[in-house]
Amino acid sequence: MARTDDDTWDLATSVGATATMVAAGRARATRDALIDDPFAEPLVRAVGVDFLTRWAAGELDTDDVDVPGAPWGMQRMTDMLAARTRYIDAFFAEAQDAGIRQVVILASGLDARAYRLPWAPGATVYEIDQPEVIEFKTVTLADLGAAPTAQVRPVPIDLRHDWSTALRRSGFDTGHPTAWAAEGLLGFLPAEAQDRLLDQVTDLSADGSRLVAEVFFNTGPTGDALNAASEKWRANGLDIALGDLGFPGERNDVADYLAERGWRPVRTTLNQLLGDNGLPLQSGDPDAPFARNYYCTAVLHRAG
């Protein structure tokens, strides 16, 4: 079903299910000793999507759920998430080394970095997501006996609403530099909402703030590849068409947009990231699925 500006979801449906899918990929990558996220699998189990629980638990083989040689599938996703997780973890480590103690995770989903990373004393992690998602993760982790490794301040609000005011009311200080993460988010926003989000992040950021963003597209050849993979997943009980979850049409390039607003971005292509982690590459054809995907870190340098 096509997305709309006012659609709704939970962690088992529509775009919300991607948070559970990502956690399932992190759980599988943890089983494969590629990363270490001990909270991913129990969070997936708590959501209760059988297909994703079985993938997270290592009960499904790649041949059972993926089309051989296809550019996308559960194993491809797991490899990408392993590389992405390492990349963003390293971003936060570097931000801490630079003295940043204020962190904002946009559309935090089932991300457990506030519980598994070694945060510096005084670090505060703001997690923004829909109220039901925030409550689910908080209660589930508490039931597991998990303790955060930083001060966690949940901001339960839909990003389509006035999240910047809610963030400030939660204690966010615009006078301090911030480390921002937009992981698995921008491609699920309409073009104008992507620009608006980046403008709001810029307005809230003090000089020296940092941003990490994943730039991806769910339409065109990539959308076709995502939906082709979904057909086999549907036969195994997962009814989701990833290629239908984005918004069509041209959009501003994220790194260029940030550069025009005082940020100094650095791009890392998907294949560069995969190669740096010793993982299988995607096709190098510029018209192939995922060819336009990249990762971006940026530092804000305000004039004067």
Protein backbone atom coordinates (compact mmCIF):
# COMPACT_ATOMS: atom_id res chain seq x y z
CA MET A 1 0.00 0.00 0.00
CA ALA A 2 1.34 3.45 -0.94
CA ARG A 3 2.40 5.79 1.82
CA THR A 4 0.45 8.92 2.72
CA ASP A 5 1.45 11.97 4.74
CA ASP A 6 -0.79 10.98 7.66
CA ASP A 7 -0.43 7.18 7.65
CA THR A 8 -0.02 5.19 10.85
CA TRP A 9 1.89 2.04 11.80
CA ASP A 10 3.32 -0.01 14.63
CA LEU A 11 6.46 -2.14 14.93
CA ALA A 12 4.83 -4.99 12.99
CA THR A 13 3.31 -3.06 10.07
CA SER A 14 4.21 -0.70 7.23
CA VAL A 15 7.30 1.46 7.73
CA GLY A 16 7.28 0.62 11.44
CA ALA A 17 8.15 -2.98 10.63
CA THR A 18 11.43 -1.81 9.13
CA ALA A 19 12.63 -1.00 12.67
CA THR A 20 11.98 -4.62 13.63
CA MET A 21 13.58 -5.85 10.40
CA VAL A 22 16.69 -3.78 11.11
CA ALA A 23 16.87 -5.18 14.65
CA ALA A 24 16.53 -8.70 13.21
CA GLY A 25 19.47 -7.95 10.91
CA ARG A 26 21.54 -6.69 13.84
CA ALA A 27 20.62 -9.80 15.81
CA ARG A 28 21.71 -12.06 12.96
CA ALA A 29 24.93 -10.07 12.50
CA THR A 30 25.56 -10.50 16.22
CA ARG A 31 25.13 -14.27 15.85
CA ASP A 32 27.65 -14.13 12.99
CA ALA A 33 30.07 -12.24 15.29
CA LEU A 34 30.09 -9.21 12.96
CA ILE A 35 28.80 -6.82 15.64
CA ASP A 36 27.74 -7.05 19.27
CA ASP A 37 24.15 -6.04 19.98
CA PRO A 38 22.80 -8.31 22.74
CA PHE A 39 19.47 -6.48 22.86
CA ALA A 40 18.49 -6.87 19.22
CA GLU A 41 17.19 -10.44 19.35
CA PRO A 42 15.07 -10.09 22.52
CA LEU A 43 13.53 -6.89 21.16
CA VAL A 44 12.60 -8.67 17.93
CA ARG A 45 11.12 -11.57 19.88
CA ALA A 46 9.03 -9.14 21.91
CA VAL A 47 7.53 -7.60 18.75
CA GLY A 48 6.43 -11.07 17.70
CA VAL A 49 6.77 -11.12 13.89
CA ASP A 50 7.51 -14.82 13.38
CA PHE A 51 9.58 -14.49 10.19
CA LEU A 52 11.83 -11.83 11.69
CA THR A 53 12.14 -13.68 14.98
CA ARG A 54 13.26 -16.82 13.13
CA TRP A 55 15.80 -14.86 11.08
CA ALA A 56 17.15 -13.16 14.21
CA ALA A 57 17.45 -16.51 15.97
CA GLY A 58 19.32 -18.16 13.09
CA GLU A 59 16.47 -20.58 12.37
CA LEU A 60 16.15 -19.61 8.69
CA ASP A 61 18.86 -20.21 6.09
CA THR A 62 19.62 -17.70 3.37
CA ASP A 63 18.48 -20.19 0.70
CA ASP A 64 15.11 -20.42 2.43
CA VAL A 65 14.29 -16.74 2.15
CA ASP A 66 16.48 -15.10 -0.51
CA VAL A 67 16.61 -15.32 -4.30
CA PRO A 68 20.10 -16.54 -5.29
CA GLY A 69 22.20 -13.78 -6.83
CA ALA A 70 19.58 -11.09 -6.17
CA PRO A 71 20.82 -7.62 -5.15
CA TRP A 72 18.68 -7.63 -2.00
CA GLY A 73 17.55 -10.13 0.59
CA MET A 74 17.82 -10.91 4.27
CA GLN A 75 21.51 -11.81 4.03
CA ARG A 76 22.33 -8.72 1.97
CA MET A 77 20.45 -6.66 4.53
CA THR A 78 22.31 -8.30 7.41
CA ASP A 79 25.69 -7.61 5.80
CA MET A 80 24.73 -3.99 5.17
CA LEU A 81 23.49 -3.55 8.73
CA ALA A 82 26.70 -4.98 10.14
CA ALA A 83 28.70 -2.41 8.19
CA ARG A 84 26.24 0.39 8.96
CA THR A 85 26.24 -0.38 12.66
CA ARG A 86 30.04 -0.29 12.85
CA TYR A 87 30.08 2.99 10.91
CA ILE A 88 27.59 4.74 13.17
CA ASP A 89 29.10 3.32 16.35
CA ALA A 90 32.44 4.75 15.21
CA PHE A 91 30.77 8.10 14.50
CA PHE A 92 29.51 8.32 18.09
CA ALA A 93 32.92 7.30 19.46
CA GLU A 94 34.59 10.06 17.45
CA ALA A 95 31.97 12.59 18.58
CA GLN A 96 32.66 11.69 22.20
CA ASP A 97 36.41 12.03 21.61
CA ALA A 98 35.65 15.54 20.32
CA GLY A 99 33.95 16.33 23.63
CA ILE A 100 30.31 16.10 22.52
CA ARG A 101 28.03 14.88 25.30
CA GLN A 102 24.60 15.58 23.78
CA VAL A 103 23.22 12.96 21.39
CA VAL A 104 19.96 12.82 19.43
CA ILE A 105 18.78 9.68 17.66
CA LEU A 106 16.02 10.53 15.20
CA ALA A 107 13.37 7.83 14.67
CA SER A 108 15.23 5.68 17.19
CA GLY A 109 13.04 2.59 16.69
CA LEU A 110 14.60 -0.45 18.37
CA ASP A 111 18.09 1.06 18.44
CA ALA A 112 19.81 0.16 21.73
CA ARG A 113 22.95 2.28 21.52
CA ALA A 114 22.01 4.08 24.71
CA TYR A 115 22.31 0.69 26.44
CA ARG A 116 25.23 -0.98 24.68
CA LEU A 117 27.80 1.72 23.82
CA PRO A 118 30.40 2.92 26.35
CA TRP A 119 29.24 6.50 26.75
CA ALA A 120 31.40 9.07 28.46
CA PRO A 121 30.36 10.45 31.87
CA GLY A 122 27.76 13.17 31.46
CA ALA A 123 26.47 11.93 28.12
CA THR A 124 22.76 12.36 27.45
CA VAL A 125 21.00 10.45 24.67
CA TYR A 126 17.68 11.81 23.40
CA GLU A 127 15.60 9.21 21.56
CA ILE A 128 12.83 10.54 19.32
CA ASP A 129 10.09 8.27 18.01
CA GLN A 130 6.37 7.68 18.19
CA PRO A 131 5.04 7.32 21.75
CA GLU A 132 4.06 3.65 21.29
CA VAL A 133 7.53 2.75 19.99
CA ILE A 134 9.30 4.56 22.83
CA GLU A 135 7.08 2.89 25.43
CA PHE A 136 7.51 -0.57 23.91
CA LYS A 137 11.29 -0.39 23.84
CA THR A 138 11.60 1.17 27.29
CA VAL A 139 9.36 -1.43 28.93
CA THR A 140 10.92 -4.36 27.07
CA LEU A 141 14.48 -3.36 27.97
CA ALA A 142 13.47 -2.78 31.59
CA ASP A 143 11.91 -6.25 31.70
CA LEU A 144 15.23 -7.62 30.42
CA GLY A 145 17.02 -5.92 33.28
CA ALA A 146 18.96 -3.71 30.86
CA ALA A 147 20.45 -0.52 32.27
CA PRO A 148 21.38 2.43 30.04
CA THR A 149 25.02 3.43 29.84
CA ALA A 150 24.11 7.11 29.43
CA GLN A 151 21.32 9.32 30.68
CA VAL A 152 18.40 8.52 28.36
CA ARG A 153 15.71 11.10 27.71
CA PRO A 154 12.90 9.75 25.53
CA VAL A 155 11.06 12.24 23.34
CA PRO A 156 7.80 10.48 22.42
CA ILE A 157 6.60 12.33 19.34
CA ASP A 158 6.03 11.70 15.65
CA LEU A 159 8.66 13.51 13.55
CA ARG A 160 5.81 14.91 11.45
CA HIS A 161 4.78 16.98 14.49
CA ASP A 162 6.64 19.71 16.41
CA TRP A 163 9.46 17.48 17.60
CA SER A 164 11.98 20.31 17.98
CA THR A 165 9.87 21.96 20.69
CA ALA A 166 9.36 18.60 22.41
CA LEU A 167 13.12 18.01 22.30
CA ARG A 168 13.90 21.33 23.93
CA ARG A 169 11.28 20.71 26.60
CA SER A 170 13.05 17.44 27.40
CA GLY A 171 16.19 19.36 28.32
CA PHE A 172 17.99 19.67 25.00
CA ASP A 173 20.43 22.61 25.04
CA THR A 174 20.93 24.44 21.73
CA GLY A 175 24.07 26.03 23.18
CA HIS A 176 25.94 22.73 23.28
CA PRO A 177 27.20 20.80 20.24
CA THR A 178 25.19 17.70 19.40
CA ALA A 179 25.81 14.38 17.68
CA TRP A 180 22.77 13.61 15.50
CA ALA A 181 21.89 10.28 13.86
CA ALA A 182 19.43 9.85 10.98
CA GLU A 183 19.77 6.11 10.39
CA GLY A 184 17.29 4.35 8.09
CA LEU A 185 15.10 7.45 8.03
CA LEU A 186 15.51 9.92 5.18
CA GLY A 187 14.41 7.61 2.37
CA PHE A 188 11.09 7.08 4.14
CA LEU A 189 10.33 10.82 4.18
CA PRO A 190 8.74 12.89 1.41
CA ALA A 191 11.28 15.17 -0.29
CA GLU A 192 10.04 18.33 1.41
CA ALA A 193 9.98 16.58 4.82
CA GLN A 194 13.60 15.53 4.34
CA ASP A 195 14.60 19.15 3.73
CA ARG A 196 12.52 20.37 6.65
CA LEU A 197 14.12 17.84 9.00
CA LEU A 198 17.64 18.84 7.93
CA ASP A 199 16.72 22.52 8.37
CA GLN A 200 15.44 21.84 11.89
CA VAL A 201 18.57 19.90 12.80
CA THR A 202 20.69 22.80 11.52
CA ASP A 203 18.66 25.38 13.44
CA LEU A 204 19.04 23.40 16.68
CA SER A 205 22.76 22.75 16.30
CA ALA A 206 25.57 24.66 17.93
CA ASP A 207 28.88 25.14 16.15
CA GLY A 208 30.85 21.89 16.05
CA SER A 209 27.77 19.68 16.01
CA ARG A 210 27.99 16.46 14.01
CA LEU A 211 25.50 14.50 11.93
CA VAL A 212 25.52 10.99 10.52
CA ALA A 213 22.94 10.14 7.89
CA GLU A 214 22.14 7.19 5.68
CA VAL A 215 21.08 8.30 2.21
CA PHE A 216 18.97 5.68 0.46
CA PHE A 217 16.17 5.42 -2.07
CA ASN A 218 13.15 3.09 -2.15
CA THR A 219 12.02 3.90 -5.67
CA GLY A 220 13.17 3.12 -9.22
CA PRO A 221 15.53 0.12 -9.65
CA THR A 222 16.11 -0.04 -5.91
CA GLY A 223 12.40 -0.20 -5.18
CA ASP A 224 11.99 -2.94 -7.77
CA ALA A 225 14.78 -4.96 -6.15
CA LEU A 226 13.28 -4.50 -2.69
CA ASN A 227 9.85 -5.67 -3.83
CA ALA A 228 11.32 -8.64 -5.70
CA ALA A 229 12.97 -9.78 -2.48
CA SER A 230 9.72 -9.23 -0.62
CA GLU A 231 7.93 -11.80 -2.80
CA LYS A 232 9.92 -14.67 -1.32
CA TRP A 233 9.59 -13.24 2.17
CA ARG A 234 5.83 -13.12 1.70
CA ALA A 235 5.86 -16.84 0.93
CA ASN A 236 7.54 -17.30 4.30
CA GLY A 237 4.98 -15.22 6.18
CA LEU A 238 6.35 -11.66 6.07
CA ASP A 239 3.84 -9.44 4.27
CA ILE A 240 5.79 -6.26 3.60
CA ALA A 241 6.79 -4.57 0.33
CA LEU A 242 9.78 -2.38 1.14
CA GLY A 243 9.71 -0.71 -2.27
CA ASP A 244 6.27 0.72 -1.52
CA LEU A 245 7.36 2.50 1.65
CA GLY A 246 9.21 5.41 0.08
CA PHE A 247 7.95 8.53 -1.67
CA PRO A 248 8.57 8.90 -5.44
CA GLY A 249 10.02 11.96 -7.11
CA GLU A 250 13.31 13.82 -7.12
CA ARG A 251 14.78 15.14 -3.90
CA ASN A 252 17.72 17.27 -2.87
CA ASP A 253 21.02 15.51 -2.39
CA VAL A 254 21.61 15.33 1.35
CA ALA A 255 25.34 16.06 1.38
CA ASP A 256 24.96 19.02 -1.01
CA TYR A 257 22.00 20.36 0.97
CA LEU A 258 24.00 20.20 4.20
CA ALA A 259 27.05 21.85 2.61
CA GLU A 260 24.90 24.81 1.54
CA ARG A 261 23.89 25.28 5.19
CA GLY A 262 27.32 25.35 6.79
CA TRP A 263 28.01 21.65 7.26
CA ARG A 264 31.14 19.97 5.95
CA PRO A 265 30.02 16.56 4.73
CA VAL A 266 32.06 13.47 3.90
CA ARG A 267 30.46 10.82 1.69
CA THR A 268 31.05 7.07 1.91
CA THR A 269 29.44 4.94 -0.79
CA LEU A 270 27.65 1.74 0.13
CA ASN A 271 30.25 -0.36 -1.67
CA GLN A 272 33.10 1.49 0.01
CA LEU A 273 31.52 0.76 3.38
CA LEU A 274 30.94 -2.91 2.53
CA GLY A 275 34.47 -3.27 1.17
CA ASP A 276 36.02 -1.62 4.22
CA ASN A 277 34.30 -4.29 6.32
CA GLY A 278 35.27 -7.22 4.09
CA LEU A 279 31.66 -7.87 3.05
CA PRO A 280 30.28 -8.74 -0.44
CA LEU A 281 29.83 -5.75 -2.72
CA GLN A 282 26.79 -4.68 -4.69
CA SER A 283 26.96 -4.25 -8.48
CA GLY A 284 29.19 -1.40 -9.60
CA ASP A 285 26.83 -0.50 -12.45
CA PRO A 286 25.72 3.14 -11.87
CA ASP A 287 22.16 2.20 -12.89
CA ALA A 288 21.97 -0.87 -10.63
CA PRO A 289 19.85 -1.02 -7.47
CA PHE A 290 21.47 0.74 -4.49
CA ALA A 291 24.07 2.45 -6.71
CA ARG A 292 23.03 5.89 -5.40
CA ASN A 293 23.06 4.89 -1.75
CA TYR A 294 25.71 6.45 0.45
CA TYR A 295 26.52 7.36 4.02
CA CYS A 296 27.38 10.82 5.19
CA THR A 297 29.00 12.37 8.22
CA ALA A 298 29.12 16.14 8.59
CA VAL A 299 30.43 18.76 11.00
CA LEU A 300 28.74 22.15 11.36
CA HIS A 301 30.92 25.24 11.02
CA ARG A 302 28.93 28.39 11.61
CA ALA A 303 30.25 31.57 10.03
CA GLY A 304 31.80 34.08 12.39
